[in-house]
N, C-alpha and C. Protein backbone atom coordinates (compact mmCIF):
# COMPACT_ATOMS: atom_id res chain seq x y z
N UNK A 1 -0.26 64.08 -39.93
CA UNK A 1 0.76 63.15 -39.49
C UNK A 1 1.44 63.73 -38.26
N UNK A 2 1.65 62.90 -37.27
CA UNK A 2 2.28 63.35 -36.03
C UNK A 2 3.80 63.25 -36.11
N UNK A 3 4.31 62.09 -36.51
CA UNK A 3 5.75 61.86 -36.64
C UNK A 3 6.02 61.14 -37.95
N UNK A 4 7.19 61.39 -38.52
CA UNK A 4 7.61 60.65 -39.70
C UNK A 4 9.04 60.17 -39.49
N UNK A 5 9.33 59.01 -40.06
CA UNK A 5 10.69 58.49 -40.12
C UNK A 5 10.95 58.16 -41.58
N UNK A 6 12.07 57.57 -41.87
CA UNK A 6 12.36 57.21 -43.26
C UNK A 6 11.30 56.28 -43.83
N UNK A 7 10.78 55.35 -43.01
CA UNK A 7 9.88 54.33 -43.53
C UNK A 7 8.49 54.34 -42.92
N UNK A 8 8.26 55.19 -41.93
CA UNK A 8 7.00 55.15 -41.18
C UNK A 8 6.36 56.52 -41.04
N UNK A 9 5.05 56.49 -40.87
CA UNK A 9 4.27 57.66 -40.51
C UNK A 9 3.47 57.26 -39.28
N UNK A 10 3.50 58.09 -38.25
CA UNK A 10 2.72 57.84 -37.04
C UNK A 10 1.65 58.90 -36.94
N UNK A 11 0.42 58.46 -36.74
CA UNK A 11 -0.73 59.36 -36.66
C UNK A 11 -1.70 58.82 -35.63
N UNK A 12 -2.65 59.64 -35.16
CA UNK A 12 -3.63 59.15 -34.20
C UNK A 12 -4.43 57.97 -34.77
N UNK A 13 -4.72 57.02 -33.90
CA UNK A 13 -5.56 55.89 -34.29
C UNK A 13 -7.00 56.35 -34.47
N UNK A 14 -7.70 55.72 -35.41
CA UNK A 14 -9.11 55.99 -35.66
C UNK A 14 -9.88 54.67 -35.53
N UNK A 15 -11.15 54.75 -35.23
CA UNK A 15 -11.97 53.55 -35.08
C UNK A 15 -11.89 52.66 -36.32
N UNK A 16 -11.78 53.27 -37.49
CA UNK A 16 -11.72 52.50 -38.73
C UNK A 16 -10.42 51.72 -38.89
N UNK A 17 -9.43 51.97 -38.02
CA UNK A 17 -8.15 51.24 -38.06
C UNK A 17 -8.24 49.86 -37.43
N UNK A 18 -9.35 49.55 -36.78
CA UNK A 18 -9.44 48.30 -36.00
C UNK A 18 -9.11 47.04 -36.81
N UNK A 19 -9.66 46.83 -38.01
CA UNK A 19 -9.32 45.59 -38.72
C UNK A 19 -7.82 45.46 -39.03
N UNK A 20 -7.19 46.56 -39.43
CA UNK A 20 -5.76 46.51 -39.73
C UNK A 20 -4.94 46.32 -38.46
N UNK A 21 -5.25 47.05 -37.39
CA UNK A 21 -4.52 46.91 -36.14
C UNK A 21 -4.71 45.52 -35.54
N UNK A 22 -5.86 44.93 -35.80
CA UNK A 22 -6.16 43.60 -35.27
C UNK A 22 -5.20 42.53 -35.81
N UNK A 23 -4.55 42.80 -36.95
CA UNK A 23 -3.54 41.85 -37.45
C UNK A 23 -2.39 41.71 -36.47
N UNK A 24 -2.11 42.77 -35.72
CA UNK A 24 -1.09 42.69 -34.66
C UNK A 24 -1.72 42.27 -33.33
N UNK A 25 -2.72 43.02 -32.88
CA UNK A 25 -3.28 42.79 -31.56
C UNK A 25 -4.06 41.48 -31.45
N UNK A 26 -4.59 41.00 -32.54
CA UNK A 26 -5.36 39.75 -32.52
C UNK A 26 -4.52 38.49 -32.67
N UNK A 27 -3.25 38.66 -32.92
CA UNK A 27 -2.34 37.52 -33.16
C UNK A 27 -1.76 37.04 -31.82
N UNK A 28 -2.09 35.81 -31.40
CA UNK A 28 -1.58 35.35 -30.10
C UNK A 28 -0.06 35.23 -30.05
N UNK A 29 0.60 35.04 -31.19
CA UNK A 29 2.07 35.00 -31.21
C UNK A 29 2.61 36.41 -31.00
N UNK A 30 2.08 37.38 -31.74
CA UNK A 30 2.53 38.77 -31.59
C UNK A 30 2.22 39.31 -30.19
N UNK A 31 1.19 38.78 -29.56
CA UNK A 31 0.76 39.27 -28.25
C UNK A 31 1.12 38.28 -27.14
N UNK A 32 2.13 37.48 -27.35
CA UNK A 32 2.52 36.47 -26.35
C UNK A 32 2.81 37.10 -24.99
N UNK A 33 3.35 38.31 -24.97
CA UNK A 33 3.63 38.97 -23.69
C UNK A 33 2.36 39.25 -22.91
N UNK A 34 1.21 39.28 -23.60
CA UNK A 34 -0.08 39.49 -22.96
C UNK A 34 -0.80 38.16 -22.68
N UNK A 35 -0.21 37.06 -23.11
CA UNK A 35 -0.77 35.71 -22.94
C UNK A 35 -2.02 35.45 -23.78
N UNK A 36 -2.34 36.33 -24.73
CA UNK A 36 -3.48 36.08 -25.60
C UNK A 36 -3.54 37.13 -26.70
N UNK A 37 -4.12 36.73 -27.83
CA UNK A 37 -4.45 37.70 -28.85
C UNK A 37 -5.78 38.33 -28.50
N UNK A 38 -5.94 39.59 -28.84
CA UNK A 38 -7.18 40.30 -28.54
C UNK A 38 -8.29 39.87 -29.48
N UNK A 39 -9.53 39.92 -28.99
CA UNK A 39 -10.69 39.79 -29.87
C UNK A 39 -10.81 41.11 -30.65
N UNK A 40 -11.60 41.09 -31.71
CA UNK A 40 -11.80 42.33 -32.46
C UNK A 40 -12.43 43.40 -31.56
N UNK A 41 -13.33 42.99 -30.68
CA UNK A 41 -13.94 43.94 -29.74
C UNK A 41 -12.87 44.54 -28.82
N UNK A 42 -11.93 43.73 -28.34
CA UNK A 42 -10.84 44.25 -27.51
C UNK A 42 -9.95 45.21 -28.29
N UNK A 43 -9.77 44.96 -29.58
CA UNK A 43 -9.00 45.88 -30.41
C UNK A 43 -9.73 47.21 -30.54
N UNK A 44 -11.04 47.19 -30.72
CA UNK A 44 -11.82 48.43 -30.74
C UNK A 44 -11.69 49.17 -29.42
N UNK A 45 -11.77 48.42 -28.29
CA UNK A 45 -11.62 49.03 -26.97
C UNK A 45 -10.23 49.64 -26.81
N UNK A 46 -9.21 48.96 -27.33
CA UNK A 46 -7.83 49.44 -27.27
C UNK A 46 -7.72 50.80 -27.97
N UNK A 47 -8.30 50.90 -29.16
CA UNK A 47 -8.27 52.16 -29.90
C UNK A 47 -9.00 53.25 -29.12
N UNK A 48 -10.14 52.92 -28.54
CA UNK A 48 -10.89 53.91 -27.75
C UNK A 48 -10.06 54.38 -26.56
N UNK A 49 -9.31 53.46 -25.91
CA UNK A 49 -8.44 53.86 -24.79
C UNK A 49 -7.34 54.81 -25.26
N UNK A 50 -6.78 54.55 -26.43
CA UNK A 50 -5.73 55.45 -26.96
C UNK A 50 -6.34 56.82 -27.25
N UNK A 51 -7.53 56.84 -27.83
CA UNK A 51 -8.17 58.11 -28.13
C UNK A 51 -8.45 58.90 -26.86
N UNK A 52 -8.80 58.20 -25.78
CA UNK A 52 -9.01 58.88 -24.50
C UNK A 52 -7.68 59.41 -23.95
N UNK A 53 -6.61 58.63 -24.15
CA UNK A 53 -5.28 59.10 -23.75
C UNK A 53 -4.89 60.38 -24.50
N UNK A 54 -5.22 60.46 -25.79
CA UNK A 54 -4.91 61.67 -26.56
C UNK A 54 -5.57 62.88 -25.88
N UNK A 55 -6.82 62.70 -25.44
CA UNK A 55 -7.55 63.79 -24.80
C UNK A 55 -6.99 64.10 -23.41
N UNK A 56 -6.74 63.06 -22.62
CA UNK A 56 -6.30 63.24 -21.23
C UNK A 56 -4.84 63.65 -21.10
N UNK A 57 -3.97 63.01 -21.89
CA UNK A 57 -2.53 63.18 -21.72
C UNK A 57 -1.86 63.95 -22.86
N UNK A 58 -2.54 64.02 -24.01
CA UNK A 58 -1.93 64.65 -25.18
C UNK A 58 -1.08 63.69 -25.99
N UNK A 59 -1.11 62.42 -25.62
CA UNK A 59 -0.35 61.39 -26.34
C UNK A 59 -0.94 60.02 -26.00
N UNK A 60 -0.47 59.02 -26.71
CA UNK A 60 -0.90 57.63 -26.54
C UNK A 60 -0.18 56.81 -27.59
N UNK A 61 -0.69 55.63 -27.86
CA UNK A 61 -0.14 54.84 -28.96
C UNK A 61 -0.81 55.30 -30.24
N UNK A 62 0.00 55.46 -31.28
CA UNK A 62 -0.47 55.97 -32.56
C UNK A 62 -0.41 54.88 -33.63
N UNK A 63 -1.17 55.06 -34.69
CA UNK A 63 -1.12 54.15 -35.83
C UNK A 63 0.27 54.22 -36.45
N UNK A 64 0.87 53.06 -36.68
CA UNK A 64 2.17 52.95 -37.35
C UNK A 64 1.87 52.57 -38.80
N UNK A 65 2.10 53.51 -39.71
CA UNK A 65 1.73 53.34 -41.12
C UNK A 65 3.01 53.26 -41.95
N UNK A 66 3.07 52.26 -42.82
CA UNK A 66 4.22 52.12 -43.73
C UNK A 66 4.19 53.27 -44.73
N UNK A 67 5.29 54.01 -44.82
CA UNK A 67 5.34 55.22 -45.65
C UNK A 67 5.12 54.93 -47.13
N UNK A 68 5.65 53.82 -47.63
CA UNK A 68 5.54 53.53 -49.07
C UNK A 68 4.18 52.98 -49.46
N UNK A 69 3.60 52.13 -48.63
CA UNK A 69 2.36 51.45 -49.00
C UNK A 69 1.11 52.05 -48.39
N UNK A 70 1.27 52.84 -47.30
CA UNK A 70 0.11 53.37 -46.60
C UNK A 70 -0.58 52.35 -45.71
N UNK A 71 0.00 51.16 -45.60
CA UNK A 71 -0.60 50.09 -44.80
C UNK A 71 -0.32 50.32 -43.31
N UNK A 72 -1.35 50.16 -42.48
CA UNK A 72 -1.17 50.20 -41.04
C UNK A 72 -0.55 48.87 -40.62
N UNK A 73 0.64 48.93 -40.00
CA UNK A 73 1.36 47.70 -39.67
C UNK A 73 1.46 47.47 -38.16
N UNK A 74 0.94 48.38 -37.37
CA UNK A 74 0.95 48.24 -35.92
C UNK A 74 0.66 49.56 -35.25
N UNK A 75 1.05 49.66 -33.99
CA UNK A 75 0.93 50.92 -33.27
C UNK A 75 2.22 51.18 -32.51
N UNK A 76 2.46 52.43 -32.18
CA UNK A 76 3.64 52.82 -31.40
C UNK A 76 3.36 54.18 -30.80
N UNK A 77 3.97 54.44 -29.66
CA UNK A 77 3.77 55.75 -29.06
C UNK A 77 4.25 55.80 -27.64
N UNK A 78 3.73 56.78 -26.94
CA UNK A 78 4.10 57.08 -25.57
C UNK A 78 2.85 57.00 -24.70
N UNK A 79 2.98 56.35 -23.54
CA UNK A 79 1.90 56.30 -22.56
C UNK A 79 2.49 56.50 -21.17
N UNK A 80 1.64 56.78 -20.22
CA UNK A 80 2.06 56.74 -18.82
C UNK A 80 1.72 55.36 -18.31
N UNK A 81 2.65 54.76 -17.57
CA UNK A 81 2.48 53.40 -17.07
C UNK A 81 3.06 53.28 -15.67
N UNK A 82 2.51 52.37 -14.88
CA UNK A 82 3.11 52.12 -13.57
C UNK A 82 4.35 51.24 -13.68
N UNK A 83 5.37 51.61 -12.95
CA UNK A 83 6.57 50.77 -12.76
C UNK A 83 6.83 50.79 -11.27
N UNK A 84 6.57 49.68 -10.62
CA UNK A 84 6.66 49.66 -9.17
C UNK A 84 5.68 50.66 -8.59
N UNK A 85 6.18 51.57 -7.76
CA UNK A 85 5.33 52.58 -7.13
C UNK A 85 5.28 53.89 -7.89
N UNK A 86 5.94 53.97 -9.05
CA UNK A 86 6.01 55.19 -9.84
C UNK A 86 5.09 55.11 -11.06
N UNK A 87 4.73 56.27 -11.58
CA UNK A 87 4.11 56.37 -12.90
C UNK A 87 5.15 57.02 -13.80
N UNK A 88 5.44 56.35 -14.93
CA UNK A 88 6.53 56.79 -15.80
C UNK A 88 6.02 57.02 -17.22
N UNK A 89 6.83 57.71 -18.01
CA UNK A 89 6.59 57.86 -19.44
C UNK A 89 7.21 56.63 -20.11
N UNK A 90 6.39 55.91 -20.87
CA UNK A 90 6.86 54.67 -21.49
C UNK A 90 6.69 54.72 -23.00
N UNK A 91 7.67 54.20 -23.72
CA UNK A 91 7.55 53.98 -25.15
C UNK A 91 7.09 52.54 -25.35
N UNK A 92 6.11 52.37 -26.24
CA UNK A 92 5.60 51.03 -26.51
C UNK A 92 5.21 50.88 -27.96
N UNK A 93 5.01 49.65 -28.36
CA UNK A 93 4.63 49.37 -29.75
C UNK A 93 4.10 47.95 -29.85
N UNK A 94 3.35 47.70 -30.91
CA UNK A 94 2.88 46.37 -31.30
C UNK A 94 2.97 46.33 -32.82
N UNK A 95 3.51 45.25 -33.34
CA UNK A 95 3.77 45.17 -34.77
C UNK A 95 3.25 43.85 -35.31
N UNK A 96 2.55 43.90 -36.45
CA UNK A 96 2.09 42.67 -37.10
C UNK A 96 3.30 41.82 -37.48
N UNK A 97 3.17 40.51 -37.31
CA UNK A 97 4.32 39.60 -37.51
C UNK A 97 4.94 39.69 -38.89
N UNK A 98 4.16 40.01 -39.91
CA UNK A 98 4.71 40.11 -41.27
C UNK A 98 5.82 41.15 -41.35
N UNK A 99 5.88 42.07 -40.38
CA UNK A 99 6.84 43.17 -40.41
C UNK A 99 7.96 43.00 -39.39
N UNK A 100 7.99 41.89 -38.68
CA UNK A 100 9.03 41.63 -37.69
C UNK A 100 10.39 41.48 -38.36
N UNK A 101 11.43 41.79 -37.63
CA UNK A 101 12.79 41.53 -38.07
C UNK A 101 13.32 42.48 -39.14
N UNK A 102 12.62 43.60 -39.35
CA UNK A 102 13.03 44.54 -40.38
C UNK A 102 13.36 45.92 -39.81
N UNK A 103 13.42 46.03 -38.50
CA UNK A 103 13.80 47.28 -37.85
C UNK A 103 12.69 48.28 -37.64
N UNK A 104 11.45 47.93 -37.97
CA UNK A 104 10.35 48.89 -37.82
C UNK A 104 10.07 49.24 -36.36
N UNK A 105 10.13 48.24 -35.48
CA UNK A 105 9.88 48.51 -34.05
C UNK A 105 10.92 49.48 -33.50
N UNK A 106 12.17 49.26 -33.82
CA UNK A 106 13.24 50.15 -33.35
C UNK A 106 13.07 51.54 -33.93
N UNK A 107 12.76 51.62 -35.21
CA UNK A 107 12.58 52.92 -35.87
C UNK A 107 11.44 53.71 -35.24
N UNK A 108 10.32 53.04 -35.00
CA UNK A 108 9.17 53.70 -34.38
C UNK A 108 9.48 54.09 -32.94
N UNK A 109 10.09 53.18 -32.18
CA UNK A 109 10.40 53.46 -30.78
C UNK A 109 11.40 54.60 -30.66
N UNK A 110 12.37 54.67 -31.56
CA UNK A 110 13.34 55.76 -31.54
C UNK A 110 12.63 57.11 -31.79
N UNK A 111 11.76 57.16 -32.77
CA UNK A 111 11.04 58.41 -33.06
C UNK A 111 10.15 58.81 -31.89
N UNK A 112 9.47 57.85 -31.28
CA UNK A 112 8.58 58.15 -30.16
C UNK A 112 9.37 58.61 -28.93
N UNK A 113 10.52 58.00 -28.69
CA UNK A 113 11.35 58.41 -27.56
C UNK A 113 11.87 59.83 -27.78
N UNK A 114 12.30 60.13 -28.99
CA UNK A 114 12.73 61.50 -29.31
C UNK A 114 11.59 62.49 -29.10
N UNK A 115 10.40 62.09 -29.54
CA UNK A 115 9.22 62.95 -29.36
C UNK A 115 8.98 63.21 -27.87
N UNK A 116 9.09 62.15 -27.06
CA UNK A 116 8.85 62.29 -25.62
C UNK A 116 9.83 63.26 -25.00
N UNK A 117 11.11 63.12 -25.33
CA UNK A 117 12.10 64.04 -24.76
C UNK A 117 11.92 65.46 -25.28
N UNK A 118 11.45 65.61 -26.51
CA UNK A 118 11.28 66.94 -27.09
C UNK A 118 10.04 67.66 -26.56
N UNK A 119 9.03 66.90 -26.13
CA UNK A 119 7.74 67.53 -25.80
C UNK A 119 7.30 67.35 -24.36
N UNK A 120 7.87 66.42 -23.63
CA UNK A 120 7.42 66.13 -22.27
C UNK A 120 8.48 66.53 -21.25
N UNK A 121 8.02 66.89 -20.09
CA UNK A 121 8.91 67.26 -18.99
C UNK A 121 9.29 65.98 -18.24
N UNK A 122 10.18 65.21 -18.84
CA UNK A 122 10.64 63.97 -18.22
C UNK A 122 12.13 63.82 -18.46
N UNK A 123 12.80 63.28 -17.47
CA UNK A 123 14.24 63.03 -17.61
C UNK A 123 14.53 61.60 -18.02
N UNK A 124 13.51 60.72 -17.97
CA UNK A 124 13.67 59.32 -18.33
C UNK A 124 12.51 58.86 -19.19
N UNK A 125 12.80 58.03 -20.18
CA UNK A 125 11.77 57.32 -20.93
C UNK A 125 12.01 55.84 -20.69
N UNK A 126 10.96 55.15 -20.33
CA UNK A 126 11.01 53.74 -19.98
C UNK A 126 10.45 52.86 -21.10
N UNK A 127 10.79 51.58 -21.01
CA UNK A 127 10.13 50.52 -21.77
C UNK A 127 9.87 49.40 -20.78
N UNK A 128 8.59 49.10 -20.55
CA UNK A 128 8.20 48.00 -19.66
C UNK A 128 8.15 46.73 -20.52
N UNK A 129 8.98 45.75 -20.18
CA UNK A 129 9.10 44.58 -21.04
C UNK A 129 8.99 43.31 -20.22
N UNK A 130 8.10 42.44 -20.64
CA UNK A 130 7.98 41.14 -19.96
C UNK A 130 9.31 40.41 -20.08
N UNK A 131 9.69 39.71 -19.02
CA UNK A 131 11.03 39.12 -18.96
C UNK A 131 11.24 37.96 -19.94
N UNK A 132 10.22 37.57 -20.66
CA UNK A 132 10.35 36.54 -21.69
C UNK A 132 10.42 37.13 -23.10
N UNK A 133 10.28 38.44 -23.23
CA UNK A 133 10.19 39.10 -24.53
C UNK A 133 11.57 39.58 -24.99
N UNK A 134 12.36 38.65 -25.49
CA UNK A 134 13.74 38.95 -25.89
C UNK A 134 13.79 39.97 -27.03
N UNK A 135 12.88 39.87 -27.99
CA UNK A 135 12.89 40.80 -29.13
C UNK A 135 12.71 42.25 -28.65
N UNK A 136 11.78 42.48 -27.73
CA UNK A 136 11.59 43.84 -27.23
C UNK A 136 12.75 44.29 -26.35
N UNK A 137 13.36 43.36 -25.63
CA UNK A 137 14.57 43.72 -24.88
C UNK A 137 15.65 44.21 -25.84
N UNK A 138 15.79 43.54 -26.97
CA UNK A 138 16.79 43.95 -27.96
C UNK A 138 16.49 45.32 -28.54
N UNK A 139 15.20 45.64 -28.74
CA UNK A 139 14.84 46.99 -29.20
C UNK A 139 15.28 48.01 -28.15
N UNK A 140 14.98 47.75 -26.90
CA UNK A 140 15.36 48.68 -25.83
C UNK A 140 16.88 48.87 -25.78
N UNK A 141 17.61 47.80 -25.92
CA UNK A 141 19.08 47.89 -25.91
C UNK A 141 19.57 48.70 -27.10
N UNK A 142 18.97 48.51 -28.29
CA UNK A 142 19.35 49.30 -29.46
C UNK A 142 19.10 50.79 -29.24
N UNK A 143 18.11 51.11 -28.41
CA UNK A 143 17.82 52.51 -28.09
C UNK A 143 18.77 53.07 -27.03
N UNK A 144 19.63 52.23 -26.50
CA UNK A 144 20.56 52.66 -25.46
C UNK A 144 20.00 52.54 -24.06
N UNK A 145 18.86 51.89 -23.92
CA UNK A 145 18.24 51.72 -22.61
C UNK A 145 18.95 50.63 -21.80
N UNK A 146 18.89 50.78 -20.50
CA UNK A 146 19.43 49.77 -19.59
C UNK A 146 18.35 49.41 -18.57
N UNK A 147 18.50 48.24 -17.96
CA UNK A 147 17.53 47.78 -16.97
C UNK A 147 17.69 48.60 -15.69
N UNK A 148 16.56 49.12 -15.21
CA UNK A 148 16.55 49.91 -13.97
C UNK A 148 15.98 49.11 -12.81
N UNK A 149 15.02 48.22 -13.09
CA UNK A 149 14.43 47.41 -12.03
C UNK A 149 13.59 46.28 -12.60
N UNK A 150 13.30 45.32 -11.72
CA UNK A 150 12.36 44.24 -12.01
C UNK A 150 11.08 44.57 -11.26
N UNK A 151 9.94 44.20 -11.84
CA UNK A 151 8.67 44.41 -11.16
C UNK A 151 7.66 43.40 -11.70
N UNK A 152 6.55 43.28 -11.04
CA UNK A 152 5.53 42.30 -11.40
C UNK A 152 4.30 43.02 -11.95
N UNK A 153 3.74 42.48 -13.02
CA UNK A 153 2.47 42.94 -13.55
C UNK A 153 1.48 41.79 -13.36
N UNK A 154 0.34 42.10 -12.79
CA UNK A 154 -0.73 41.10 -12.63
C UNK A 154 -1.78 41.40 -13.70
N UNK A 155 -1.95 40.46 -14.64
CA UNK A 155 -2.84 40.68 -15.79
C UNK A 155 -3.59 39.39 -16.08
N UNK A 156 -4.92 39.49 -16.16
CA UNK A 156 -5.77 38.34 -16.47
C UNK A 156 -5.48 37.14 -15.56
N UNK A 157 -5.25 37.42 -14.27
CA UNK A 157 -5.03 36.36 -13.30
C UNK A 157 -3.64 35.77 -13.31
N UNK A 158 -2.71 36.39 -14.03
CA UNK A 158 -1.34 35.85 -14.15
C UNK A 158 -0.36 36.89 -13.63
N UNK A 159 0.58 36.46 -12.80
CA UNK A 159 1.69 37.31 -12.40
C UNK A 159 2.77 37.21 -13.46
N UNK A 160 3.13 38.34 -14.05
CA UNK A 160 4.09 38.38 -15.15
C UNK A 160 5.30 39.23 -14.76
N UNK A 161 6.47 38.61 -14.55
CA UNK A 161 7.66 39.40 -14.25
C UNK A 161 8.03 40.29 -15.44
N UNK A 162 8.39 41.52 -15.14
CA UNK A 162 8.78 42.51 -16.15
C UNK A 162 10.09 43.16 -15.76
N UNK A 163 10.75 43.71 -16.78
CA UNK A 163 11.94 44.52 -16.58
C UNK A 163 11.61 45.94 -17.00
N UNK A 164 12.08 46.90 -16.22
CA UNK A 164 11.92 48.31 -16.57
C UNK A 164 13.24 48.80 -17.16
N UNK A 165 13.27 48.91 -18.48
CA UNK A 165 14.41 49.51 -19.18
C UNK A 165 14.17 51.01 -19.22
N UNK A 166 15.22 51.82 -19.26
CA UNK A 166 15.05 53.27 -19.39
C UNK A 166 16.32 53.89 -19.94
N UNK A 167 16.13 55.09 -20.49
CA UNK A 167 17.26 55.92 -20.91
C UNK A 167 16.97 57.34 -20.46
N UNK A 168 18.02 58.04 -20.06
CA UNK A 168 17.88 59.40 -19.60
C UNK A 168 18.03 60.40 -20.73
N UNK A 169 17.42 61.54 -20.52
CA UNK A 169 17.52 62.65 -21.48
C UNK A 169 18.99 62.99 -21.77
N UNK A 170 19.83 62.89 -20.73
CA UNK A 170 21.24 63.25 -20.88
C UNK A 170 22.01 62.30 -21.79
N UNK A 171 21.46 61.11 -22.07
CA UNK A 171 22.12 60.15 -22.95
C UNK A 171 21.43 60.04 -24.31
N UNK A 172 20.42 60.83 -24.56
CA UNK A 172 19.62 60.69 -25.77
C UNK A 172 19.99 61.73 -26.81
N UNK A 173 20.09 61.33 -28.06
CA UNK A 173 20.34 62.24 -29.18
C UNK A 173 19.05 62.37 -29.97
N UNK A 174 18.43 63.54 -29.94
CA UNK A 174 17.12 63.73 -30.60
C UNK A 174 17.23 64.27 -32.01
N UNK A 175 18.41 64.37 -32.56
CA UNK A 175 18.57 65.02 -33.88
C UNK A 175 17.99 64.24 -35.05
N UNK A 176 17.72 62.93 -34.88
CA UNK A 176 17.29 62.15 -36.04
C UNK A 176 15.78 62.04 -36.18
N UNK A 177 15.00 62.72 -35.37
CA UNK A 177 13.55 62.63 -35.48
C UNK A 177 13.01 63.81 -36.31
N UNK A 178 12.01 63.49 -37.14
CA UNK A 178 11.33 64.53 -37.91
C UNK A 178 9.87 64.53 -37.50
N UNK A 179 9.33 65.73 -37.28
CA UNK A 179 7.92 65.85 -36.90
C UNK A 179 7.14 66.38 -38.07
């Protein structure tokens, strides 16, 4: 296990996680910010990209596992992402709809942000959020993040306005994370 919280365990994704992760990534409602739900093949490719990130960067999005049931309910972690002309450390997550509204996204994002500040040489952790994704904006605000800039993401032929939320190391309290 990489990280633990009161209700979650985060661990590296495995190829065998694809059917469970597909409940989040394959759902067009859960993936509205991407304008489509992934095919099962795209979910397999997603896992392979995270595994390559583990090798290249030492981190990526990890399996988000419910501590009580052992069920994989989504993914969460840290990646490097472009924001304007910069490459930044970003916290991200995807959660199956059955688990929405229960604080799991915030709990996972908080643990991942603490991990980033504890292990990475960065003064800021970002969250890249599509400007229509109010739920994720609320997660960022709960983490103490503020909007730093607006930028455009071009994905699948669509220009998607995004907001770059971030919090600095100087404003972050890492005492509540357990590894």
